Amino acid sequence: MNLVELAKAAEVGGDSVERSDVAAVNRKENRPLYKGREPIYPKLAHGTFRRLKWAVMAIALAVYYLTPWIRWDRGANLPDQAVLIDFPARRFYFFFIEIWPQEVYYLTGLLILASFGLFLITALAGRVWCGYACPQTVWTDLFIMVERLVEGDRAERIRLDKAPMSAGKLAKRTAKHGIWLLIAMATGGAWVFYFADAPTLLRDLVTLQALPVAYITIGVLTFTTYALGGLMREQVCTYMCPWPRIQAAMQDEDSLIVSYKDDRGEPRMPFRKGQDWSTRADCIDCRQCVAVCPMGIDIRDGQQLECIACALCIDACDDVMVKIGRPKGLIAYDTLINHDRRKRGEPTRVRWLRPRTVLYAALIVLVGLVMLVALTTRATLDVNVQHDRNPLFVQLADGSIRNGYTVKILNKEHIDARFDISFKGLPPHTVSIVGQEPGAADGVEVGSDRLAAFRVFVAVPADALASDVTDITVVVTEEGGRRVARSSSIFRGPEK
């Protein structure tokens, strides 16, 4: 039974044809079940988009590697690293902004902004994020650059791969993979610097005094960077990344995408010097667009999931057009609706303002304004009150009812301060704070940039309570009245 007969049998018999039968036929006919990866040897392109990619790569790598070393003076006893995720202190520092754990909604807002920004960019110009700024693209570009410097450009790398192993080939391969590993290790090392003081951690890493988690993190990121950027490359974008499968929902017929103008380039055929251009199309089938593509696709086949909109094929095609004396733009950023307009002989245009782009831009502005207002108006003093659960209240020897509370005061300023704790909504009562003399009015002290918890007891005469549950407000006031924070709670007593 061959594959055709097996397929017919599957149509008739349904599940009666087992996978083992398919495997047996494949083994018999020496056909693999899955197509193996075909190596891609991207050629170095020259032009506007290649220079733009170099610039974006340099900026992205500089930001990633250098940011942990930027200093920012926050005062005494505070970290001076500009960007720091300080887990022991439960803080996230970003230059002049300090985020506390309970303010995680700012992180949510940033993620929402990033999502809408990506949606807007995709609606306007397709997968330009993938082609220029995605970390996978940036590091893959860097690894390919190293490969090109060590082994040569496309033709040299193809010949080297086909050549038998020799001392020269072994030396080049060793050098290439060695540099890849150094880059991957630097990538992992830079990442851990965001979670501790960079100079101190670097010294600890070199002297082998850093915590094991630092070495483990560097090891994991070294492996993943080396594997994804050096070995897997385009497979990450094609098979692992979900964005190619989502982007179609973000685009429409007015989205700019890298396109081949088949109305101008077809039918393609080889070029002969002196040929009359009036009798043929502009594409000379040189395949330079394929040679420079890091994904190994032919843009002339139309829209493809693998295309990351890096536009290197535009540079390659424009270079060929200049050499043969034809206008540039056979491959260019274009829209699907412009393709139809050219076929109808209508003028082309790009429509930037569309319902979806206006909606995405409006959402970005809205979320950004909400975050800005919340950040600029956020309080530097906060209070949280927890009523004792067991017992709910205690009746003292004099008959009065006492409730216990845990009052947590958060002082977000970088100076020590004293605060008074008062209870509003109760009849005449007495307040005592554990650790202070009864009736003392000295207040409580909270250190700079600190959270302090205090045990507080409130006693009320039993006959003064109107019900078993009284709503109250706990007020924390800084000495001098500059800052005030409030929190709602209850006072419990016996049933009336």
Protein backbone atom coordinates (compact mmCIF):
# COMPACT_ATOMS: atom_id res chain seq x y z
CA MET A 1 0.00 0.00 0.00
CA ASN A 2 1.48 3.38 -1.04
CA LEU A 3 0.61 6.80 0.36
CA VAL A 4 -2.20 7.42 -2.13
CA GLU A 5 -3.86 4.09 -1.35
CA LEU A 6 -3.38 4.73 2.35
CA ALA A 7 -5.06 8.15 2.09
CA LYS A 8 -8.03 6.62 0.23
CA ALA A 9 -8.31 3.92 2.85
CA ALA A 10 -8.31 6.58 5.57
CA GLU A 11 -11.17 8.43 3.84
CA VAL A 12 -13.24 5.25 3.67
CA GLY A 13 -12.29 3.59 6.92
CA GLY A 14 -11.90 6.63 9.16
CA ASP A 15 -9.92 5.67 12.24
CA SER A 16 -9.24 2.14 10.98
CA VAL A 17 -5.96 3.30 9.48
CA GLU A 18 -3.49 3.50 12.33
CA ARG A 19 -0.56 5.85 12.59
CA SER A 20 1.70 2.85 12.61
CA ASP A 21 0.61 2.13 9.03
CA VAL A 22 1.57 5.66 8.00
CA ALA A 23 4.92 5.32 9.72
CA ALA A 24 5.51 1.97 8.04
CA VAL A 25 4.81 3.41 4.61
CA ASN A 26 7.08 6.38 5.31
CA ARG A 27 9.89 4.07 6.37
CA LYS A 28 9.37 1.92 3.30
CA GLU A 29 9.52 4.88 0.95
CA ASN A 30 12.26 6.60 3.01
CA ARG A 31 10.14 9.70 3.57
CA PRO A 32 10.55 11.58 6.86
CA LEU A 33 7.43 12.44 8.82
CA TYR A 34 8.63 16.02 9.33
CA LYS A 35 10.52 18.34 7.04
CA GLY A 36 14.02 19.08 8.31
CA ARG A 37 15.26 22.62 8.79
CA GLU A 38 16.95 24.11 5.77
CA PRO A 39 19.92 26.31 6.77
CA ILE A 40 19.55 29.99 5.92
CA TYR A 41 22.57 32.09 4.98
CA PRO A 42 21.39 35.72 4.93
CA LYS A 43 23.50 37.92 2.68
CA LEU A 44 24.59 41.33 3.92
CA ALA A 45 22.25 43.99 2.54
CA HIS A 46 23.18 47.61 1.95
CA GLY A 47 20.71 50.46 2.08
CA THR A 48 18.38 52.59 4.16
CA PHE A 49 16.63 49.81 6.02
CA ARG A 50 19.83 47.94 6.78
CA ARG A 51 21.30 51.12 8.28
CA LEU A 52 18.10 51.64 10.25
CA LYS A 53 18.34 48.12 11.63
CA TRP A 54 21.99 48.70 12.63
CA ALA A 55 20.95 51.89 14.46
CA VAL A 56 18.04 50.23 16.28
CA MET A 57 20.23 47.26 17.24
CA ALA A 58 22.97 49.54 18.61
CA ILE A 59 20.50 51.62 20.62
CA ALA A 60 18.63 48.57 21.97
CA LEU A 61 21.82 46.81 23.04
CA ALA A 62 23.23 50.00 24.59
CA VAL A 63 20.04 50.54 26.60
CA TYR A 64 20.00 46.93 27.79
CA TYR A 65 23.68 46.61 28.74
CA LEU A 66 24.32 50.13 30.10
CA THR A 67 21.12 51.01 31.98
CA PRO A 68 22.08 49.17 35.22
CA TRP A 69 25.22 51.32 35.45
CA ILE A 70 23.40 54.67 35.39
CA ARG A 71 23.41 56.33 38.83
CA TRP A 72 20.61 58.40 40.41
CA ASP A 73 20.99 60.14 43.77
CA ARG A 74 18.00 59.45 46.03
CA GLY A 75 19.54 60.47 49.33
CA ALA A 76 21.14 58.71 52.26
CA ASN A 77 20.51 55.00 52.85
CA LEU A 78 18.79 54.58 49.50
CA PRO A 79 20.08 52.83 46.36
CA ASP A 80 21.67 55.12 43.78
CA GLN A 81 21.03 52.84 40.80
CA ALA A 82 18.70 54.56 38.34
CA VAL A 83 16.76 51.41 37.39
CA LEU A 84 16.57 48.76 40.09
CA ILE A 85 14.13 45.99 40.98
CA ASP A 86 14.91 45.63 44.68
CA PHE A 87 13.19 42.47 45.89
CA PRO A 88 14.61 42.52 49.46
CA ALA A 89 13.32 46.07 49.98
CA ARG A 90 10.18 45.40 47.90
CA ARG A 91 10.74 48.39 45.64
CA PHE A 92 11.02 49.16 41.97
CA TYR A 93 13.12 52.24 41.26
CA PHE A 94 12.96 53.96 37.87
CA PHE A 95 14.94 57.19 38.01
CA PHE A 96 12.73 59.58 40.07
CA ILE A 97 9.83 57.11 40.30
CA GLU A 98 9.56 54.67 43.20
CA ILE A 99 6.95 51.91 42.97
CA TRP A 100 5.79 49.98 46.04
CA PRO A 101 4.30 46.44 46.00
CA GLN A 102 0.74 47.72 46.50
CA GLU A 103 1.18 49.93 43.43
CA VAL A 104 1.53 47.03 41.04
CA TYR A 105 -1.28 48.58 39.01
CA TYR A 106 1.36 50.86 37.47
CA LEU A 107 2.97 47.76 35.99
CA THR A 108 -0.43 46.72 34.69
CA GLY A 109 -0.81 50.14 33.08
CA LEU A 110 2.60 49.87 31.42
CA LEU A 111 1.71 46.47 29.99
CA ILE A 112 -1.58 47.85 28.66
CA LEU A 113 0.26 50.80 27.08
CA ALA A 114 2.78 48.42 25.49
CA SER A 115 -0.02 46.25 24.12
CA PHE A 116 -1.96 49.12 22.57
CA GLY A 117 1.29 50.58 21.23
CA LEU A 118 2.06 47.28 19.54
CA PHE A 119 -1.48 47.11 18.16
CA LEU A 120 -1.17 50.64 16.75
CA ILE A 121 2.23 50.04 15.16
CA THR A 122 0.98 46.79 13.60
CA ALA A 123 -2.16 48.46 12.25
CA LEU A 124 -0.02 51.20 10.68
CA ALA A 125 3.00 49.30 9.38
CA GLY A 126 2.63 45.57 9.98
CA ARG A 127 5.31 43.69 11.88
CA VAL A 128 7.91 46.45 12.10
CA TRP A 129 8.34 45.64 15.79
CA CYS A 130 9.36 42.12 14.80
CA GLY A 131 11.68 43.36 12.08
CA TYR A 132 13.55 45.99 14.08
CA ALA A 133 13.08 46.05 17.86
CA CYS A 134 12.04 42.57 19.02
CA PRO A 135 14.78 41.13 21.30
CA GLN A 136 14.84 37.96 19.20
CA THR A 137 15.53 40.03 16.07
CA VAL A 138 18.13 42.23 17.79
CA TRP A 139 20.17 39.34 19.16
CA THR A 140 19.79 37.26 16.00
CA ASP A 141 21.11 40.22 13.99
CA LEU A 142 24.04 40.45 16.38
CA PHE A 143 24.79 36.73 16.11
CA ILE A 144 24.56 36.80 12.31
CA MET A 145 26.92 39.79 12.25
CA VAL A 146 29.45 37.78 14.28
CA GLU A 147 28.97 34.80 11.96
CA ARG A 148 29.56 37.01 8.94
CA LEU A 149 32.71 38.55 10.42
CA VAL A 150 34.19 35.14 11.27
CA GLU A 151 33.06 32.97 8.36
CA GLY A 152 32.39 35.51 5.60
CA ASP A 153 29.27 36.51 3.72
CA ARG A 154 26.63 34.22 2.25
CA ALA A 155 28.71 32.50 -0.45
CA GLU A 156 31.66 31.88 1.89
CA ARG A 157 29.41 30.43 4.59
CA ILE A 158 27.71 28.09 2.14
CA ARG A 159 31.08 26.83 0.89
CA LEU A 160 32.35 26.43 4.45
CA ASP A 161 29.30 24.36 5.42
CA LYS A 162 29.76 22.05 2.44
CA ALA A 163 33.53 21.68 2.94
CA PRO A 164 34.88 18.73 4.94
CA MET A 165 36.11 19.39 8.44
CA SER A 166 39.60 20.88 8.52
CA ALA A 167 41.75 22.86 10.89
CA GLY A 168 40.62 26.13 9.34
CA LYS A 169 36.95 25.21 9.48
CA LEU A 170 37.28 24.01 13.07
CA ALA A 171 39.02 27.24 14.06
CA LYS A 172 36.30 29.40 12.50
CA ARG A 173 33.51 27.38 14.06
CA THR A 174 35.19 27.48 17.47
CA ALA A 175 35.70 31.23 17.25
CA LYS A 176 32.12 31.84 16.16
CA HIS A 177 30.52 29.76 18.88
CA GLY A 178 32.94 31.13 21.46
CA ILE A 179 31.92 34.71 20.67
CA TRP A 180 28.26 33.68 20.68
CA LEU A 181 28.69 32.23 24.16
CA LEU A 182 30.42 35.39 25.39
CA ILE A 183 27.55 37.51 24.07
CA ALA A 184 25.00 35.16 25.64
CA MET A 185 26.85 35.27 28.96
CA ALA A 186 26.98 39.06 28.86
CA THR A 187 23.25 39.06 28.18
CA GLY A 188 22.53 36.97 31.27
CA GLY A 189 24.98 39.01 33.32
CA ALA A 190 23.36 42.29 32.33
CA TRP A 191 19.94 40.96 33.31
CA VAL A 192 20.89 40.16 36.92
CA PHE A 193 22.36 43.66 37.32
CA TYR A 194 18.80 45.01 37.23
CA PHE A 195 18.06 43.22 40.52
CA ALA A 196 21.04 44.35 42.63
CA ASP A 197 23.58 47.13 42.77
CA ALA A 198 25.53 46.53 39.55
CA PRO A 199 29.10 47.35 40.72
CA THR A 200 28.67 45.38 43.94
CA LEU A 201 27.14 42.38 42.17
CA LEU A 202 29.87 42.40 39.51
CA ARG A 203 32.53 42.24 42.20
CA ASP A 204 30.68 39.41 43.96
CA LEU A 205 30.29 37.49 40.70
CA VAL A 206 33.98 37.77 39.86
CA THR A 207 35.06 36.77 43.38
CA LEU A 208 32.50 33.92 43.45
CA GLN A 209 30.69 35.46 46.43
CA ALA A 210 27.36 36.13 44.73
CA LEU A 211 24.24 34.18 45.65
CA PRO A 212 23.64 30.91 43.76
CA VAL A 213 20.50 32.34 42.17
CA ALA A 214 22.64 34.90 40.33
CA TYR A 215 24.82 32.22 38.74
CA ILE A 216 21.81 30.04 37.94
CA THR A 217 20.02 32.97 36.25
CA ILE A 218 23.09 33.84 34.20
CA GLY A 219 23.46 30.20 33.18
CA VAL A 220 19.83 29.86 32.09
CA LEU A 221 19.89 33.12 30.11
CA THR A 222 23.24 32.21 28.55
CA PHE A 223 21.78 28.95 27.27
CA THR A 224 18.53 30.47 26.02
CA THR A 225 20.23 33.42 24.30
CA TYR A 226 22.77 31.13 22.62
CA ALA A 227 20.08 28.66 21.53
CA LEU A 228 17.45 31.16 20.37
CA GLY A 229 19.72 33.74 18.78
CA GLY A 230 22.45 31.49 17.42
CA LEU A 231 20.94 28.09 16.67
CA MET A 232 17.17 28.42 16.27
CA ARG A 233 16.91 31.93 14.80
CA GLU A 234 14.00 32.08 12.35
CA GLN A 235 12.37 29.01 13.91
CA VAL A 236 11.58 31.06 17.01
CA CYS A 237 9.64 33.59 14.93
CA THR A 238 7.90 30.95 12.83
CA TYR A 239 7.01 28.28 15.38
CA MET A 240 7.42 29.65 18.91
CA CYS A 241 6.18 33.24 18.73
CA PRO A 242 2.37 33.69 18.79
CA TRP A 243 2.44 37.18 17.28
CA PRO A 244 2.52 36.10 13.59
CA ARG A 245 -0.78 34.34 14.18
CA ILE A 246 -2.35 37.30 15.98
CA GLN A 247 -1.16 40.13 13.76
CA ALA A 248 -3.80 39.51 11.09
CA ALA A 249 -6.46 40.75 13.51
CA MET A 250 -4.52 44.01 13.95
CA GLN A 251 -4.08 44.76 10.23
CA ASP A 252 -6.41 45.79 7.45
CA GLU A 253 -6.14 46.60 3.76
CA ASP A 254 -4.63 50.02 4.57
CA SER A 255 -1.77 48.64 6.69
CA LEU A 256 1.69 49.17 5.25
CA ILE A 257 3.41 45.84 4.65
CA VAL A 258 6.50 44.80 2.72
CA SER A 259 5.07 43.99 -0.71
CA TYR A 260 6.22 42.90 -4.14
CA LYS A 261 4.51 44.85 -6.92
CA ASP A 262 3.62 41.99 -9.20
CA ASP A 263 1.77 44.34 -11.54
CA ARG A 264 5.17 45.82 -12.34
CA GLY A 265 7.44 42.79 -11.90
CA GLU A 266 5.55 39.95 -13.60
CA PRO A 267 6.26 37.95 -15.61
CA ARG A 268 9.75 37.77 -14.18
CA MET A 269 12.60 36.62 -16.40
CA PRO A 270 16.42 36.87 -16.53
CA PHE A 271 17.90 40.12 -17.78
CA ARG A 272 20.11 40.39 -20.86
CA LYS A 273 22.17 43.48 -21.48
CA GLY A 274 20.63 45.75 -24.10
CA GLN A 275 17.17 44.21 -23.73
CA ASP A 276 14.21 46.47 -24.51
CA TRP A 277 12.34 47.16 -21.26
CA SER A 278 9.13 47.94 -23.10
CA THR A 279 8.75 44.26 -23.91
CA ARG A 280 9.27 42.85 -20.42
CA ALA A 281 8.61 43.39 -16.70
CA ASP A 282 11.09 44.81 -14.18
CA CYS A 283 11.83 41.68 -12.09
CA ILE A 284 14.96 40.00 -13.47
CA ASP A 285 14.61 36.99 -11.13
CA CYS A 286 18.00 37.64 -9.54
CA ARG A 287 16.71 36.30 -6.18
CA GLN A 288 18.66 38.89 -4.22
CA CYS A 289 15.52 39.53 -2.18
CA VAL A 290 15.66 35.88 -1.10
CA ALA A 291 19.40 35.93 -0.46
CA VAL A 292 19.21 38.75 2.11
CA CYS A 293 16.05 37.52 3.88
CA PRO A 294 16.82 36.30 7.43
CA MET A 295 13.68 34.15 7.29
CA GLY A 296 14.61 32.52 3.98
CA ILE A 297 11.35 33.36 2.20
CA ASP A 298 10.58 34.78 -1.23
CA ILE A 299 8.61 38.00 -0.80
CA ARG A 300 7.36 37.63 -4.37
CA ASP A 301 5.13 34.78 -3.22
CA GLY A 302 2.89 37.27 -1.40
CA GLN A 303 2.03 37.67 2.27
CA GLN A 304 3.60 34.99 4.44
CA LEU A 305 3.48 34.21 8.12
CA GLU A 306 7.29 34.10 8.27
CA CYS A 307 7.81 37.68 7.04
CA ILE A 308 8.99 39.95 9.88
CA ALA A 309 8.85 43.17 7.79
CA CYS A 310 12.58 43.86 8.20
CA ALA A 311 12.59 45.36 4.65
CA LEU A 312 16.06 44.05 3.79
CA CYS A 313 14.55 42.71 0.57
CA ILE A 314 13.67 46.33 -0.31
CA ASP A 315 17.32 47.35 0.03
CA ALA A 316 18.49 44.40 -2.07
CA CYS A 317 15.92 44.99 -4.82
CA ASP A 318 16.52 48.77 -4.93
CA ASP A 319 20.24 48.11 -5.30
CA VAL A 320 19.59 45.85 -8.30
CA MET A 321 17.13 48.33 -9.84
CA VAL A 322 19.76 51.07 -9.69
CA LYS A 323 22.32 48.82 -11.40
CA ILE A 324 20.01 47.96 -14.30
CA GLY A 325 18.63 51.47 -14.66
CA ARG A 326 15.08 50.83 -13.48
CA PRO A 327 13.04 52.81 -10.89
CA LYS A 328 13.28 51.76 -7.27
CA GLY A 329 10.29 50.42 -5.38
CA LEU A 330 9.62 47.10 -7.08
CA ILE A 331 9.57 45.81 -3.50
CA ALA A 332 8.39 48.43 -1.01
CA TYR A 333 6.18 49.15 1.96
CA ASP A 334 2.73 49.24 0.43
CA THR A 335 -0.91 48.48 1.21
CA LEU A 336 -3.19 45.83 -0.21
CA ILE A 337 -5.71 48.43 -1.29
CA ASN A 338 -3.01 50.31 -3.22
CA HIS A 339 -2.24 47.08 -5.05
CA ASP A 340 -5.86 46.96 -6.22
CA ARG A 341 -5.83 50.67 -7.06
CA ARG A 342 -2.83 50.25 -9.38
CA LYS A 343 -4.59 47.45 -11.20
CA ARG A 344 -7.57 49.74 -11.75
CA GLY A 345 -5.31 52.62 -12.80
CA GLU A 346 -6.25 54.75 -9.80
CA PRO A 347 -3.83 56.95 -7.79
CA THR A 348 -2.37 55.38 -4.67
CA ARG A 349 -2.33 56.85 -1.17
CA VAL A 350 -1.79 55.83 2.45
CA ARG A 351 -4.64 56.38 4.89
CA TRP A 352 -3.16 56.78 8.37
CA LEU A 353 -6.35 57.86 10.17
CA ARG A 354 -8.70 54.92 10.29
CA PRO A 355 -11.17 53.75 12.94
CA ARG A 356 -8.80 51.19 14.41
CA THR A 357 -5.74 53.47 14.46
CA VAL A 358 -7.76 56.29 16.02
CA LEU A 359 -9.15 53.85 18.61
CA TYR A 360 -5.69 52.48 19.52
CA ALA A 361 -4.22 56.00 19.73
CA ALA A 362 -7.12 57.20 21.89
CA LEU A 363 -6.71 54.25 24.26
CA ILE A 364 -2.99 54.93 24.55
CA VAL A 365 -3.65 58.57 25.41
CA LEU A 366 -6.39 57.63 27.88
CA VAL A 367 -4.36 55.02 29.74
CA GLY A 368 -1.30 57.26 29.69
CA LEU A 369 -3.23 60.19 31.18
CA VAL A 370 -4.78 57.98 33.87
CA MET A 371 -1.34 56.69 34.86
CA LEU A 372 0.17 60.18 34.79
CA VAL A 373 -2.56 61.61 37.01
CA ALA A 374 -2.33 58.66 39.40
CA LEU A 375 1.45 59.01 39.57
CA THR A 376 1.52 62.76 40.11
CA THR A 377 -1.29 62.79 42.69
CA ARG A 378 -0.45 59.65 44.63
CA ALA A 379 -0.18 60.09 48.38
CA THR A 380 3.10 59.75 50.24
CA LEU A 381 1.29 58.57 53.36
CA ASP A 382 -0.95 55.53 53.61
CA VAL A 383 -2.64 53.71 56.46
CA ASN A 384 -4.15 50.24 56.72
CA VAL A 385 -6.16 49.07 59.73
CA GLN A 386 -6.90 45.46 60.66
CA HIS A 387 -9.42 44.73 63.42
CA ASP A 388 -8.61 41.79 65.71
CA ARG A 389 -10.58 38.71 64.72
CA ASN A 390 -10.17 36.72 67.90
CA PRO A 391 -11.45 37.94 70.22
CA LEU A 392 -13.63 40.56 68.53
CA PHE A 393 -13.80 42.54 71.78
CA VAL A 394 -12.87 42.23 75.45
CA GLN A 395 -14.90 43.47 78.45
CA LEU A 396 -12.55 44.98 81.02
CA ALA A 397 -12.93 44.88 84.80
CA ASP A 398 -14.51 48.36 84.88
CA GLY A 399 -17.16 47.22 82.36
CA SER A 400 -15.77 49.08 79.36
CA ILE A 401 -15.41 47.39 75.99
CA ARG A 402 -11.98 47.17 74.39
CA ASN A 403 -11.15 46.44 70.74
CA GLY A 404 -7.70 45.71 69.36
CA TYR A 405 -6.30 46.91 66.03
CA THR A 406 -3.15 46.58 63.98
CA VAL A 407 -2.44 49.94 62.39
CA LYS A 408 0.09 49.92 59.54
CA ILE A 409 1.50 53.29 58.53
CA LEU A 410 3.39 53.63 55.24
CA ASN A 411 5.71 56.63 55.01
CA LYS A 412 6.78 56.96 51.37
CA GLU A 413 8.88 60.07 51.89
CA HIS A 414 12.62 59.89 52.40
CA ILE A 415 12.50 61.55 55.83
CA ASP A 416 11.57 60.22 59.29
CA ALA A 417 8.24 61.47 60.62
CA ARG A 418 5.98 61.26 63.67
CA PHE A 419 2.26 60.60 63.43
CA ASP A 420 -0.76 60.83 65.72
CA ILE A 421 -3.37 58.05 65.59
CA SER A 422 -6.97 59.01 66.35
CA PHE A 423 -10.36 57.30 66.08
CA LYS A 424 -13.37 59.21 64.75
CA GLY A 425 -17.01 58.16 65.13
CA LEU A 426 -16.75 56.81 68.70
CA PRO A 427 -18.12 58.23 71.95
CA PRO A 428 -15.51 59.32 74.53
CA HIS A 429 -12.82 56.66 74.57
CA THR A 430 -9.23 55.92 75.52
CA VAL A 431 -6.45 54.89 73.16
CA SER A 432 -3.35 52.95 74.18
CA ILE A 433 -0.47 51.91 71.94
CA VAL A 434 1.60 48.88 72.85
CA GLY A 435 5.04 50.06 73.91
CA GLN A 436 3.86 53.46 75.13
CA GLU A 437 2.62 54.65 78.51
CA PRO A 438 -1.22 54.71 78.75
CA GLY A 439 -2.52 58.11 77.70
CA ALA A 440 0.77 59.17 76.15
CA ALA A 441 0.37 61.64 73.29
CA ASP A 442 3.82 61.45 71.82
CA GLY A 443 2.59 59.80 68.65
CA VAL A 444 4.47 57.11 66.77
CA GLU A 445 7.58 57.40 64.64
CA VAL A 446 7.92 55.87 61.18
CA GLY A 447 11.26 55.84 59.41
CA SER A 448 11.84 57.22 55.95
CA ASP A 449 10.60 55.05 53.11
CA ARG A 450 9.32 52.51 55.63
CA LEU A 451 6.21 50.60 56.68
CA ALA A 452 5.62 50.35 60.42
CA ALA A 453 2.94 48.36 62.27
CA PHE A 454 1.53 49.27 65.71
CA ARG A 455 -0.77 47.43 68.11
CA VAL A 456 -3.49 49.81 69.28
CA PHE A 457 -6.25 49.23 71.86
CA VAL A 458 -9.39 51.36 72.12
CA ALA A 459 -11.70 51.21 75.16
CA VAL A 460 -15.25 52.62 75.29
CA PRO A 461 -17.72 52.56 78.23
CA ALA A 462 -20.28 49.83 77.53
CA ASP A 463 -23.29 52.07 78.14
CA ALA A 464 -21.96 54.60 75.60
CA LEU A 465 -22.28 52.19 72.67
CA ALA A 466 -25.52 52.50 70.71
CA SER A 467 -25.14 49.16 68.88
CA ASP A 468 -22.94 46.11 68.70
CA VAL A 469 -21.19 47.42 65.54
CA THR A 470 -20.05 51.02 65.18
CA ASP A 471 -18.47 52.33 61.99
CA ILE A 472 -15.34 54.33 62.70
CA THR A 473 -12.56 56.12 60.82
CA VAL A 474 -8.93 55.78 61.84
CA VAL A 475 -7.05 59.02 61.13
CA VAL A 476 -3.26 59.21 60.97
CA THR A 477 -1.93 62.77 61.04
CA GLU A 478 1.67 63.86 60.65
CA GLU A 479 2.91 66.28 63.29
CA GLY A 480 2.23 69.73 61.94
CA GLY A 481 -0.75 68.49 59.92
CA ARG A 482 1.11 68.38 56.59
CA ARG A 483 -0.09 64.88 55.68
CA VAL A 484 -3.26 63.05 56.69
CA ALA A 485 -4.40 59.51 55.84
CA ARG A 486 -7.67 57.76 56.73
CA SER A 487 -8.94 54.20 56.82
CA SER A 488 -12.40 52.82 57.66
CA SER A 489 -12.96 50.15 60.28
CA ILE A 490 -15.50 49.07 62.93
CA PHE A 491 -15.79 48.89 66.71
CA ARG A 492 -17.41 45.72 68.02
CA GLY A 493 -19.33 45.32 71.30
CA PRO A 494 -21.90 43.01 72.90
CA GLU A 495 -25.29 42.67 71.22
CA LYS A 496 -27.83 45.25 72.31
